[in-house]
Amino acid sequence: MTEPVSPLQAINQKELELRRRIEEAHRQAEARIQAARQEAEQIIARADREGRVEAEALYQREIEEAQRQAKAIVAAADEDATALRCQAAERLDNAARRIVELVLPGDSFLT
């Protein structure tokens, strides 16, 4: 037969059982906390990578837009320069004739 358990022994056994349960719950909680931390680190790392990719894409789009605008400005400047060259060429003969008339007054040998 089994020996009867005294109330003090029963209390001690219950305390031991509760300590084991508390320690096990603590271990499980620590494991969950550690898993949550690892998951959070992975989420942060993934968000960082995605953010860098999006930032690089935005940067490239802005660079392309700036290059497009720069090309448009250069093209417009080239057109203006060409138009001014044409105007200057048209007026060059008249300007040369006028300068000669101012420098050599009187009977002009150009006529």
PDB file of N, CA and C in Angstrom:
ATOM      1  N   MET A   1       0.815  -1.170   0.000  1.00  0.00           N
ATOM      2  CA  MET A   1       0.000   0.000   0.000  1.00  0.00           C
ATOM      3  C   MET A   1       0.869   1.248   0.000  1.00  0.00           C
ATOM      4  N   THR A   2       0.250   2.300  -0.408  1.00  0.00           N
ATOM      5  CA  THR A   2       1.000   3.533  -0.453  1.00  0.00           C
ATOM      6  C   THR A   2       0.907   4.238   0.879  1.00  0.00           C
ATOM      7  N   GLU A   3       1.982   4.923   1.173  1.00  0.00           N
ATOM      8  CA  GLU A   3       1.992   5.656   2.434  1.00  0.00           C
ATOM      9  C   GLU A   3       1.107   6.879   2.315  1.00  0.00           C
ATOM     10  N   PRO A   4       0.454   7.216   3.329  1.00  0.00           N
ATOM     11  CA  PRO A   4      -0.367   8.425   3.280  1.00  0.00           C
ATOM     12  C   PRO A   4       0.542   9.662   3.204  1.00  0.00           C
ATOM     13  N   VAL A   5       0.114  10.629   2.428  1.00  0.00           N
ATOM     14  CA  VAL A   5       0.893  11.840   2.243  1.00  0.00           C
ATOM     15  C   VAL A   5       0.388  12.871   3.237  1.00  0.00           C
ATOM     16  N   SER A   6       1.352  13.474   3.909  1.00  0.00           N
ATOM     17  CA  SER A   6       0.975  14.487   4.891  1.00  0.00           C
ATOM     18  C   SER A   6       0.585  15.764   4.158  1.00  0.00           C
ATOM     19  N   PRO A   7      -0.192  16.613   4.799  1.00  0.00           N
ATOM     20  CA  PRO A   7      -0.587  17.868   4.165  1.00  0.00           C
ATOM     21  C   PRO A   7       0.631  18.717   3.776  1.00  0.00           C
ATOM     22  N   LEU A   8       1.682  18.700   4.596  1.00  0.00           N
ATOM     23  CA  LEU A   8       2.885  19.464   4.291  1.00  0.00           C
ATOM     24  C   LEU A   8       3.572  18.923   3.041  1.00  0.00           C
ATOM     25  N   GLN A   9       3.642  17.610   2.914  1.00  0.00           N
ATOM     26  CA  GLN A   9       4.233  17.003   1.716  1.00  0.00           C
ATOM     27  C   GLN A   9       3.382  17.311   0.485  1.00  0.00           C
ATOM     28  N   ALA A  10       2.079  17.289   0.633  1.00  0.00           N
ATOM     29  CA  ALA A  10       1.185  17.609  -0.486  1.00  0.00           C
ATOM     30  C   ALA A  10       1.401  19.050  -0.939  1.00  0.00           C
ATOM     31  N   ILE A  11       1.565  19.959   0.023  1.00  0.00           N
ATOM     32  CA  ILE A  11       1.807  21.363  -0.309  1.00  0.00           C
ATOM     33  C   ILE A  11       3.148  21.497  -1.034  1.00  0.00           C
ATOM     34  N   ASN A  12       4.185  20.806  -0.550  1.00  0.00           N
ATOM     35  CA  ASN A  12       5.505  20.844  -1.180  1.00  0.00           C
ATOM     36  C   ASN A  12       5.443  20.304  -2.606  1.00  0.00           C
ATOM     37  N   GLN A  13       4.710  19.220  -2.805  1.00  0.00           N
ATOM     38  CA  GLN A  13       4.591  18.656  -4.147  1.00  0.00           C
ATOM     39  C   GLN A  13       3.878  19.638  -5.089  1.00  0.00           C
ATOM     40  N   LYS A  14       2.829  20.274  -4.590  1.00  0.00           N
ATOM     41  CA  LYS A  14       2.111  21.255  -5.399  1.00  0.00           C
ATOM     42  C   LYS A  14       3.021  22.451  -5.729  1.00  0.00           C
ATOM     43  N   GLU A  15       3.813  22.907  -4.744  1.00  0.00           N
ATOM     44  CA  GLU A  15       4.742  24.009  -4.994  1.00  0.00           C
ATOM     45  C   GLU A  15       5.758  23.632  -6.067  1.00  0.00           C
ATOM     46  N   LEU A  16       6.303  22.398  -5.965  1.00  0.00           N
ATOM     47  CA  LEU A  16       7.258  21.936  -6.961  1.00  0.00           C
ATOM     48  C   LEU A  16       6.614  21.876  -8.349  1.00  0.00           C
ATOM     49  N   GLU A  17       5.419  21.360  -8.400  1.00  0.00           N
ATOM     50  CA  GLU A  17       4.708  21.284  -9.683  1.00  0.00           C
ATOM     51  C   GLU A  17       4.454  22.682 -10.253  1.00  0.00           C
ATOM     52  N   LEU A  18       4.036  23.639  -9.421  1.00  0.00           N
ATOM     53  CA  LEU A  18       3.809  25.010  -9.873  1.00  0.00           C
ATOM     54  C   LEU A  18       5.108  25.658 -10.337  1.00  0.00           C
ATOM     55  N   ARG A  19       6.215  25.424  -9.650  1.00  0.00           N
ATOM     56  CA  ARG A  19       7.514  25.969 -10.059  1.00  0.00           C
ATOM     57  C   ARG A  19       7.902  25.434 -11.436  1.00  0.00           C
ATOM     58  N   ARG A  20       7.694  24.110 -11.619  1.00  0.00           N
ATOM     59  CA  ARG A  20       8.005  23.520 -12.924  1.00  0.00           C
ATOM     60  C   ARG A  20       7.155  24.167 -14.020  1.00  0.00           C
ATOM     61  N   ARG A  21       5.889  24.347 -13.757  1.00  0.00           N
ATOM     62  CA  ARG A  21       5.000  24.958 -14.739  1.00  0.00           C
ATOM     63  C   ARG A  21       5.414  26.412 -15.033  1.00  0.00           C
ATOM     64  N   ILE A  22       5.749  27.136 -13.976  1.00  0.00           N
ATOM     65  CA  ILE A  22       6.178  28.534 -14.152  1.00  0.00           C
ATOM     66  C   ILE A  22       7.467  28.587 -14.959  1.00  0.00           C
ATOM     67  N   GLU A  23       8.426  27.714 -14.634  1.00  0.00           N
ATOM     68  CA  GLU A  23       9.688  27.683 -15.380  1.00  0.00           C
ATOM     69  C   GLU A  23       9.451  27.310 -16.840  1.00  0.00           C
ATOM     70  N   GLU A  24       8.575  26.358 -17.073  1.00  0.00           N
ATOM     71  CA  GLU A  24       8.259  25.958 -18.447  1.00  0.00           C
ATOM     72  C   GLU A  24       7.573  27.106 -19.190  1.00  0.00           C
ATOM     73  N   ALA A  25       6.636  27.776 -18.528  1.00  0.00           N
ATOM     74  CA  ALA A  25       5.961  28.924 -19.142  1.00  0.00           C
ATOM     75  C   ALA A  25       6.977  30.035 -19.436  1.00  0.00           C
ATOM     76  N   HIS A  26       7.910  30.224 -18.518  1.00  0.00           N
ATOM     77  CA  HIS A  26       8.948  31.235 -18.724  1.00  0.00           C
ATOM     78  C   HIS A  26       9.828  30.868 -19.927  1.00  0.00           C
ATOM     79  N   ARG A  27      10.219  29.606 -20.030  1.00  0.00           N
ATOM     80  CA  ARG A  27      11.027  29.157 -21.170  1.00  0.00           C
ATOM     81  C   ARG A  27      10.254  29.352 -22.483  1.00  0.00           C
ATOM     82  N   GLN A  28       8.987  28.990 -22.475  1.00  0.00           N
ATOM     83  CA  GLN A  28       8.174  29.158 -23.688  1.00  0.00           C
ATOM     84  C   GLN A  28       8.021  30.641 -24.049  1.00  0.00           C
ATOM     85  N   ALA A  29       7.834  31.464 -23.029  1.00  0.00           N
ATOM     86  CA  ALA A  29       7.702  32.901 -23.283  1.00  0.00           C
ATOM     87  C   ALA A  29       9.004  33.456 -23.860  1.00  0.00           C
ATOM     88  N   GLU A  30      10.140  33.054 -23.311  1.00  0.00           N
ATOM     89  CA  GLU A  30      11.438  33.501 -23.830  1.00  0.00           C
ATOM     90  C   GLU A  30      11.633  33.042 -25.277  1.00  0.00           C
ATOM     91  N   ALA A  31      11.230  31.807 -25.572  1.00  0.00           N
ATOM     92  CA  ALA A  31      11.351  31.290 -26.940  1.00  0.00           C
ATOM     93  C   ALA A  31      10.469  32.096 -27.891  1.00  0.00           C
ATOM     94  N   ARG A  32       9.254  32.427 -27.456  1.00  0.00           N
ATOM     95  CA  ARG A  32       8.362  33.232 -28.287  1.00  0.00           C
ATOM     96  C   ARG A  32       8.911  34.641 -28.492  1.00  0.00           C
ATOM     97  N   ILE A  33       9.458  35.200 -27.418  1.00  0.00           N
ATOM     98  CA  ILE A  33      10.048  36.542 -27.523  1.00  0.00           C
ATOM     99  C   ILE A  33      11.210  36.517 -28.505  1.00  0.00           C
ATOM    100  N   GLN A  34      12.068  35.515 -28.392  1.00  0.00           N
ATOM    101  CA  GLN A  34      13.214  35.398 -29.296  1.00  0.00           C
ATOM    102  C   GLN A  34      12.753  35.226 -30.745  1.00  0.00           C
ATOM    103  N   ALA A  35      11.740  34.395 -30.945  1.00  0.00           N
ATOM    104  CA  ALA A  35      11.204  34.197 -32.303  1.00  0.00           C
ATOM    105  C   ALA A  35      10.615  35.499 -32.842  1.00  0.00           C
ATOM    106  N   ALA A  36       9.908  36.237 -31.985  1.00  0.00           N
ATOM    107  CA  ALA A  36       9.325  37.512 -32.406  1.00  0.00           C
ATOM    108  C   ALA A  36      10.423  38.515 -32.752  1.00  0.00           C
ATOM    109  N   ARG A  37      11.484  38.530 -31.973  1.00  0.00           N
ATOM    110  CA  ARG A  37      12.607  39.429 -32.265  1.00  0.00           C
ATOM    111  C   ARG A  37      13.244  39.087 -33.613  1.00  0.00           C
ATOM    112  N   GLN A  38      13.449  37.801 -33.858  1.00  0.00           N
ATOM    113  CA  GLN A  38      14.031  37.383 -35.132  1.00  0.00           C
ATOM    114  C   GLN A  38      13.123  37.757 -36.291  1.00  0.00           C
ATOM    115  N   GLU A  39      11.833  37.542 -36.111  1.00  0.00           N
ATOM    116  CA  GLU A  39      10.888  37.895 -37.166  1.00  0.00           C
ATOM    117  C   GLU A  39      10.891  39.407 -37.403  1.00  0.00           C
ATOM    118  N   ALA A  40      10.941  40.179 -36.326  1.00  0.00           N
ATOM    119  CA  ALA A  40      10.983  41.638 -36.458  1.00  0.00           C
ATOM    120  C   ALA A  40      12.257  42.069 -37.188  1.00  0.00           C
ATOM    121  N   GLU A  41      13.374  41.457 -36.865  1.00  0.00           N
ATOM    122  CA  GLU A  41      14.630  41.782 -37.544  1.00  0.00           C
ATOM    123  C   GLU A  41      14.539  41.457 -39.036  1.00  0.00           C
ATOM    124  N   GLN A  42      13.919  40.328 -39.358  1.00  0.00           N
ATOM    125  CA  GLN A  42      13.756  39.956 -40.765  1.00  0.00           C
ATOM    126  C   GLN A  42      12.847  40.946 -41.491  1.00  0.00           C
ATOM    127  N   ILE A  43      11.777  41.361 -40.831  1.00  0.00           N
ATOM    128  CA  ILE A  43      10.848  42.327 -41.432  1.00  0.00           C
ATOM    129  C   ILE A  43      11.557  43.653 -41.662  1.00  0.00           C
ATOM    130  N   ILE A  44      12.331  44.080 -40.667  1.00  0.00           N
ATOM    131  CA  ILE A  44      13.063  45.343 -40.799  1.00  0.00           C
ATOM    132  C   ILE A  44      14.086  45.247 -41.926  1.00  0.00           C
ATOM    133  N   ALA A  45      14.809  44.135 -41.979  1.00  0.00           N
ATOM    134  CA  ALA A  45      15.816  43.958 -43.037  1.00  0.00           C
ATOM    135  C   ALA A  45      15.153  43.942 -44.410  1.00  0.00           C
ATOM    136  N   ARG A  46      14.017  43.260 -44.526  1.00  0.00           N
ATOM    137  CA  ARG A  46      13.306  43.201 -45.808  1.00  0.00           C
ATOM    138  C   ARG A  46      12.801  44.602 -46.186  1.00  0.00           C
ATOM    139  N   ALA A  47      12.239  45.312 -45.216  1.00  0.00           N
ATOM    140  CA  ALA A  47      11.750  46.668 -45.490  1.00  0.00           C
ATOM    141  C   ALA A  47      12.903  47.582 -45.900  1.00  0.00           C
ATOM    142  N   ASP A  48      14.049  47.407 -45.260  1.00  0.00           N
ATOM    143  CA  ASP A  48      15.216  48.209 -45.615  1.00  0.00           C
ATOM    144  C   ASP A  48      15.652  47.919 -47.050  1.00  0.00           C
ATOM    145  N   ARG A  49      15.706  46.641 -47.398  1.00  0.00           N
ATOM    146  CA  ARG A  49      16.090  46.275 -48.775  1.00  0.00           C
ATOM    147  C   ARG A  49      15.093  46.837 -49.779  1.00  0.00           C
ATOM    148  N   GLU A  50      13.806  46.667 -49.496  1.00  0.00           N
ATOM    149  CA  GLU A  50      12.778  47.162 -50.412  1.00  0.00           C
ATOM    150  C   GLU A  50      12.829  48.683 -50.514  1.00  0.00           C
ATOM    151  N   GLY A  51      13.070  49.334 -49.387  1.00  0.00           N
ATOM    152  CA  GLY A  51      13.176  50.791 -49.390  1.00  0.00           C
ATOM    153  C   GLY A  51      14.351  51.256 -50.225  1.00  0.00           C
ATOM    154  N   ARG A  52      15.471  50.549 -50.106  1.00  0.00           N
ATOM    155  CA  ARG A  52      16.642  50.914 -50.907  1.00  0.00           C
ATOM    156  C   ARG A  52      16.371  50.715 -52.394  1.00  0.00           C
ATOM    157  N   VAL A  53      15.694  49.629 -52.727  1.00  0.00           N
ATOM    158  CA  VAL A  53      15.366  49.365 -54.139  1.00  0.00           C
ATOM    159  C   VAL A  53      14.444  50.465 -54.674  1.00  0.00           C
ATOM    160  N   GLU A  54      13.420  50.821 -53.898  1.00  0.00           N
ATOM    161  CA  GLU A  54      12.498  51.867 -54.335  1.00  0.00           C
ATOM    162  C   GLU A  54      13.202  53.221 -54.430  1.00  0.00           C
ATOM    163  N   ALA A  55      14.075  53.505 -53.465  1.00  0.00           N
ATOM    164  CA  ALA A  55      14.810  54.769 -53.503  1.00  0.00           C
ATOM    165  C   ALA A  55      15.724  54.826 -54.724  1.00  0.00           C
ATOM    166  N   GLU A  56      16.374  53.727 -55.038  1.00  0.00           N
ATOM    167  CA  GLU A  56      17.255  53.686 -56.211  1.00  0.00           C
ATOM    168  C   GLU A  56      16.441  53.881 -57.488  1.00  0.00           C
ATOM    169  N   ALA A  57      15.275  53.241 -57.550  1.00  0.00           N
ATOM    170  CA  ALA A  57      14.417  53.393 -58.734  1.00  0.00           C
ATOM    171  C   ALA A  57      13.952  54.847 -58.875  1.00  0.00           C
ATOM    172  N   LEU A  58      13.547  55.452 -57.775  1.00  0.00           N
ATOM    173  CA  LEU A  58      13.123  56.851 -57.802  1.00  0.00           C
ATOM    174  C   LEU A  58      14.285  57.747 -58.226  1.00  0.00           C
ATOM    175  N   TYR A  59      15.453  57.483 -57.676  1.00  0.00           N
ATOM    176  CA  TYR A  59      16.649  58.258 -58.035  1.00  0.00           C
ATOM    177  C   TYR A  59      16.920  58.145 -59.530  1.00  0.00           C
ATOM    178  N   GLN A  60      16.851  56.930 -60.063  1.00  0.00           N
ATOM    179  CA  GLN A  60      17.098  56.729 -61.492  1.00  0.00           C
ATOM    180  C   GLN A  60      16.054  57.454 -62.343  1.00  0.00           C
ATOM    181  N   ARG A  61      14.790  57.403 -61.925  1.00  0.00           N
ATOM    182  CA  ARG A  61      13.743  58.112 -62.675  1.00  0.00           C
ATOM    183  C   ARG A  61      14.005  59.618 -62.671  1.00  0.00           C
ATOM    184  N   GLU A  62      14.401  60.146 -61.529  1.00  0.00           N
ATOM    185  CA  GLU A  62      14.674  61.578 -61.434  1.00  0.00           C
ATOM    186  C   GLU A  62      15.902  61.958 -62.265  1.00  0.00           C
ATOM    187  N   ILE A  63      16.919  61.107 -62.256  1.00  0.00           N
ATOM    188  CA  ILE A  63      18.113  61.363 -63.075  1.00  0.00           C
ATOM    189  C   ILE A  63      17.730  61.357 -64.552  1.00  0.00           C
ATOM    190  N   GLU A  64      16.933  60.392 -64.971  1.00  0.00           N
ATOM    191  CA  GLU A  64      16.498  60.323 -66.367  1.00  0.00           C
ATOM    192  C   GLU A  64      15.685  61.556 -66.749  1.00  0.00           C
ATOM    193  N   GLU A  65      14.825  62.008 -65.844  1.00  0.00           N
ATOM    194  CA  GLU A  65      14.026  63.209 -66.113  1.00  0.00           C
ATOM    195  C   GLU A  65      14.930  64.436 -66.226  1.00  0.00           C
ATOM    196  N   ALA A  66      15.906  64.544 -65.342  1.00  0.00           N
ATOM    197  CA  ALA A  66      16.841  65.675 -65.401  1.00  0.00           C
ATOM    198  C   ALA A  66      17.644  65.637 -66.693  1.00  0.00           C
ATOM    199  N   GLN A  67      18.057  64.446 -67.117  1.00  0.00           N
ATOM    200  CA  GLN A  67      18.793  64.321 -68.380  1.00  0.00           C
ATOM    201  C   GLN A  67      17.914  64.699 -69.565  1.00  0.00           C
ATOM    202  N   ARG A  68      16.659  64.285 -69.513  1.00  0.00           N
ATOM    203  CA  ARG A  68      15.724  64.638 -70.585  1.00  0.00           C
ATOM    204  C   ARG A  68      15.556  66.148 -70.660  1.00  0.00           C
ATOM    205  N   GLN A  69      15.397  66.786 -69.508  1.00  0.00           N
ATOM    206  CA  GLN A  69      15.247  68.240 -69.481  1.00  0.00           C
ATOM    207  C   GLN A  69      16.520  68.924 -69.971  1.00  0.00           C
ATOM    208  N   ALA A  70      17.669  68.400 -69.569  1.00  0.00           N
ATOM    209  CA  ALA A  70      18.942  68.986 -70.014  1.00  0.00           C
ATOM    210  C   ALA A  70      19.080  68.865 -71.525  1.00  0.00           C
ATOM    211  N   LYS A  71      18.705  67.722 -72.079  1.00  0.00           N
ATOM    212  CA  LYS A  71      18.768  67.555 -73.536  1.00  0.00           C
ATOM    213  C   LYS A  71      17.834  68.529 -74.239  1.00  0.00           C
ATOM    214  N   ALA A  72      16.657  68.746 -73.669  1.00  0.00           N
ATOM    215  CA  ALA A  72      15.707  69.681 -74.266  1.00  0.00           C
ATOM    216  C   ALA A  72      16.268  71.104 -74.228  1.00  0.00           C
ATOM    217  N   ILE A  73      16.917  71.461 -73.130  1.00  0.00           N
ATOM    218  CA  ILE A  73      17.514  72.796 -73.010  1.00  0.00           C
ATOM    219  C   ILE A  73      18.646  72.957 -74.024  1.00  0.00           C
ATOM    220  N   VAL A  74      19.491  71.944 -74.148  1.00  0.00           N
ATOM    221  CA  VAL A  74      20.601  72.004 -75.104  1.00  0.00           C
ATOM    222  C   VAL A  74      20.068  72.080 -76.532  1.00  0.00           C
ATOM    223  N   ALA A  75      19.036  71.313 -76.836  1.00  0.00           N
ATOM    224  CA  ALA A  75      18.455  71.345 -78.185  1.00  0.00           C
ATOM    225  C   ALA A  75      17.885  72.726 -78.489  1.00  0.00           C
ATOM    226  N   ALA A  76      17.202  73.317 -77.504  1.00  0.00           N
ATOM    227  CA  ALA A  76      16.644  74.657 -77.712  1.00  0.00           C
ATOM    228  C   ALA A  76      17.765  75.675 -77.898  1.00  0.00           C
ATOM    229  N   ALA A  77      18.824  75.537 -77.128  1.00  0.00           N
ATOM    230  CA  ALA A  77      19.955  76.452 -77.260  1.00  0.00           C
ATOM    231  C   ALA A  77      20.617  76.284 -78.626  1.00  0.00           C
ATOM    232  N   ASP A  78      20.740  75.048 -79.101  1.00  0.00           N
ATOM    233  CA  ASP A  78      21.299  74.813 -80.436  1.00  0.00           C
ATOM    234  C   ASP A  78      20.440  75.453 -81.508  1.00  0.00           C
ATOM    235  N   GLU A  79      19.141  75.341 -81.379  1.00  0.00           N
ATOM    236  CA  GLU A  79      18.241  75.965 -82.347  1.00  0.00           C
ATOM    237  C   GLU A  79      18.392  77.479 -82.333  1.00  0.00           C
ATOM    238  N   ASP A  80      18.470  78.051 -81.125  1.00  0.00           N
ATOM    239  CA  ASP A  80      18.653  79.503 -81.020  1.00  0.00           C
ATOM    240  C   ASP A  80      19.977  79.921 -81.642  1.00  0.00           C
ATOM    241  N   ALA A  81      21.031  79.157 -81.369  1.00  0.00           N
ATOM    242  CA  ALA A  81      22.352  79.494 -81.918  1.00  0.00           C
ATOM    243  C   ALA A  81      22.338  79.413 -83.439  1.00  0.00           C
ATOM    244  N   THR A  82      21.683  78.410 -83.982  1.00  0.00           N
ATOM    245  CA  THR A  82      21.595  78.272 -85.442  1.00  0.00           C
ATOM    246  C   THR A  82      20.830  79.444 -86.037  1.00  0.00           C
ATOM    247  N   ALA A  83      19.736  79.831 -85.409  1.00  0.00           N
ATOM    248  CA  ALA A  83      18.944  80.962 -85.905  1.00  0.00           C
ATOM    249  C   ALA A  83      19.767  82.245 -85.849  1.00  0.00           C
ATOM    250  N   LEU A  84      20.523  82.435 -84.778  1.00  0.00           N
ATOM    251  CA  LEU A  84      21.349  83.636 -84.660  1.00  0.00           C
ATOM    252  C   LEU A  84      22.471  83.637 -85.695  1.00  0.00           C
ATOM    253  N   ARG A  85      23.049  82.479 -85.966  1.00  0.00           N
ATOM    254  CA  ARG A  85      24.084  82.397 -87.011  1.00  0.00           C
ATOM    255  C   ARG A  85      23.510  82.769 -88.376  1.00  0.00           C
ATOM    256  N   CYS A  86      22.331  82.295 -88.664  1.00  0.00           N
ATOM    257  CA  CYS A  86      21.687  82.623 -89.944  1.00  0.00           C
ATOM    258  C   CYS A  86      21.416  84.118 -90.037  1.00  0.00           C
ATOM    259  N   GLN A  87      20.906  84.700 -88.941  1.00  0.00           N
ATOM    260  CA  GLN A  87      20.655  86.143 -88.934  1.00  0.00           C
ATOM    261  C   GLN A  87      21.961  86.914 -89.105  1.00  0.00           C
ATOM    262  N   ALA A  88      22.999  86.467 -88.424  1.00  0.00           N
ATOM    263  CA  ALA A  88      24.292  87.154 -88.517  1.00  0.00           C
ATOM    264  C   ALA A  88      24.851  87.044 -89.931  1.00  0.00           C
ATOM    265  N   ALA A  89      24.728  85.891 -90.541  1.00  0.00           N
ATOM    266  CA  ALA A  89      25.238  85.700 -91.900  1.00  0.00           C
ATOM    267  C   ALA A  89      24.498  86.610 -92.878  1.00  0.00           C
ATOM    268  N   GLU A  90      23.191  86.731 -92.694  1.00  0.00           N
ATOM    269  CA  GLU A  90      22.395  87.587 -93.576  1.00  0.00           C
ATOM    270  C   GLU A  90      22.789  89.056 -93.433  1.00  0.00           C
ATOM    271  N   ARG A  91      23.142  89.442 -92.246  1.00  0.00           N
ATOM    272  CA  ARG A  91      23.424  90.848 -91.981  1.00  0.00           C
ATOM    273  C   ARG A  91      24.919  91.183 -92.071  1.00  0.00           C
ATOM    274  N   LEU A  92      25.749  90.175 -92.220  1.00  0.00           N
ATOM    275  CA  LEU A  92      27.191  90.405 -92.224  1.00  0.00           C
ATOM    276  C   LEU A  92      27.631  91.289 -93.384  1.00  0.00           C
ATOM    277  N   ASP A  93      27.133  91.015 -94.577  1.00  0.00           N
ATOM    278  CA  ASP A  93      27.505  91.835 -95.737  1.00  0.00           C
ATOM    279  C   ASP A  93      27.083  93.289 -95.540  1.00  0.00           C
ATOM    280  N   ASN A  94      25.884  93.495 -95.085  1.00  0.00           N
ATOM    281  CA  ASN A  94      25.411  94.865 -94.854  1.00  0.00           C
ATOM    282  C   ASN A  94      26.242  95.544 -93.767  1.00  0.00           C
ATOM    283  N   ALA A  95      26.589  94.821 -92.734  1.00  0.00           N
ATOM    284  CA  ALA A  95      27.386  95.403 -91.659  1.00  0.00           C
ATOM    285  C   ALA A  95      28.776  95.767 -92.161  1.00  0.00           C
ATOM    286  N   ALA A  96      29.400  94.893 -92.941  1.00  0.00           N
ATOM    287  CA  ALA A  96      30.732  95.181 -93.492  1.00  0.00           C
ATOM    288  C   ALA A  96      30.675  96.403 -94.391  1.00  0.00           C
ATOM    289  N   ARG A  97      29.678  96.494 -95.242  1.00  0.00           N
ATOM    290  CA  ARG A  97      29.529  97.643 -96.142  1.00  0.00           C
ATOM    291  C   ARG A  97      29.349  98.920 -95.330  1.00  0.00           C
ATOM    292  N   ARG A  98      28.542  98.853 -94.300  1.00  0.00           N
ATOM    293  CA  ARG A  98      28.281 100.039 -93.466  1.00  0.00           C
ATOM    294  C   ARG A  98      29.558 100.459 -92.737  1.00  0.00           C
ATOM    295  N   ILE A  99      30.341  99.531 -92.255  1.00  0.00           N
ATOM    296  CA  ILE A  99      31.600  99.846 -91.567  1.00  0.00           C
ATOM    297  C   ILE A  99      32.561 100.525 -92.532  1.00  0.00           C
ATOM    298  N   VAL A 100      32.661  99.999 -93.741  1.00  0.00           N
ATOM    299  CA  VAL A 100      33.554 100.593 -94.737  1.00  0.00           C
ATOM    300  C   VAL A 100      33.103 102.009 -95.056  1.00  0.00           C
ATOM    301  N   GLU A 101      31.820 102.229 -95.179  1.00  0.00           N
ATOM    302  CA  GLU A 101      31.306 103.571 -95.467  1.00  0.00           C
ATOM    303  C   GLU A 101      31.628 104.533 -94.331  1.00  0.00           C
ATOM    304  N   LEU A 102      31.586 104.042 -93.101  1.00  0.00           N
ATOM    305  CA  LEU A 102      31.894 104.911 -91.970  1.00  0.00           C
ATOM    306  C   LEU A 102      33.391 105.192 -91.882  1.00  0.00           C
ATOM    307  N   VAL A 103      34.206 104.212 -92.223  1.00  0.00           N
ATOM    308  CA  VAL A 103      35.646 104.381 -92.121  1.00  0.00           C
ATOM    309  C   VAL A 103      36.192 105.190 -93.294  1.00  0.00           C
ATOM    310  N   LEU A 104      35.682 104.961 -94.462  1.00  0.00           N
ATOM    311  CA  LEU A 104      36.152 105.635 -95.668  1.00  0.00           C
ATOM    312  C   LEU A 104      35.037 106.535 -96.203  1.00  0.00           C
ATOM    313  N   PRO A 105      34.848 107.680 -95.606  1.00  0.00           N
ATOM    314  CA  PRO A 105      33.766 108.546 -96.057  1.00  0.00           C
ATOM    315  C   PRO A 105      34.057 109.132 -97.453  1.00  0.00           C
ATOM    316  N   GLY A 106      33.047 109.601 -98.044  1.00  0.00           N
ATOM    317  CA  GLY A 106      33.211 110.221 -99.343  1.00  0.00           C
ATOM    318  C   GLY A 106      32.891 109.240-100.440  1.00  0.00           C
ATOM    319  N   ASP A 107      33.562 109.406-101.553  1.00  0.00           N
ATOM    320  CA  ASP A 107      33.313 108.535-102.691  1.00  0.00           C
ATOM    321  C   ASP A 107      33.710 107.118-102.332  1.00  0.00           C
ATOM    322  N   SER A 108      32.785 106.308-102.426  1.00  0.00           N
ATOM    323  CA  SER A 108      33.047 104.909-102.080  1.00  0.00           C
ATOM    324  C   SER A 108      33.448 104.148-103.318  1.00  0.00           C
ATOM    325  N   PHE A 109      34.435 103.344-103.172  1.00  0.00           N
ATOM    326  CA  PHE A 109      34.895 102.533-104.311  1.00  0.00           C
ATOM    327  C   PHE A 109      34.122 101.231-104.395  1.00  0.00           C
ATOM    328  N   LEU A 110      33.163 101.047-103.487  1.00  0.00           N
ATOM    329  CA  LEU A 110      32.375  99.832-103.475  1.00  0.00           C
ATOM    330  C   LEU A 110      31.200  99.912-104.448  1.00  0.00           C
ATOM    331  N   THR A 111      30.861 101.108-104.858  1.00  0.00           N
ATOM    332  CA  THR A 111      29.688 101.233-105.722  1.00  0.00           C
ATOM    333  C   THR A 111      30.011 101.114-107.177  1.00  0.00           C
TER     334      THR A 111
END
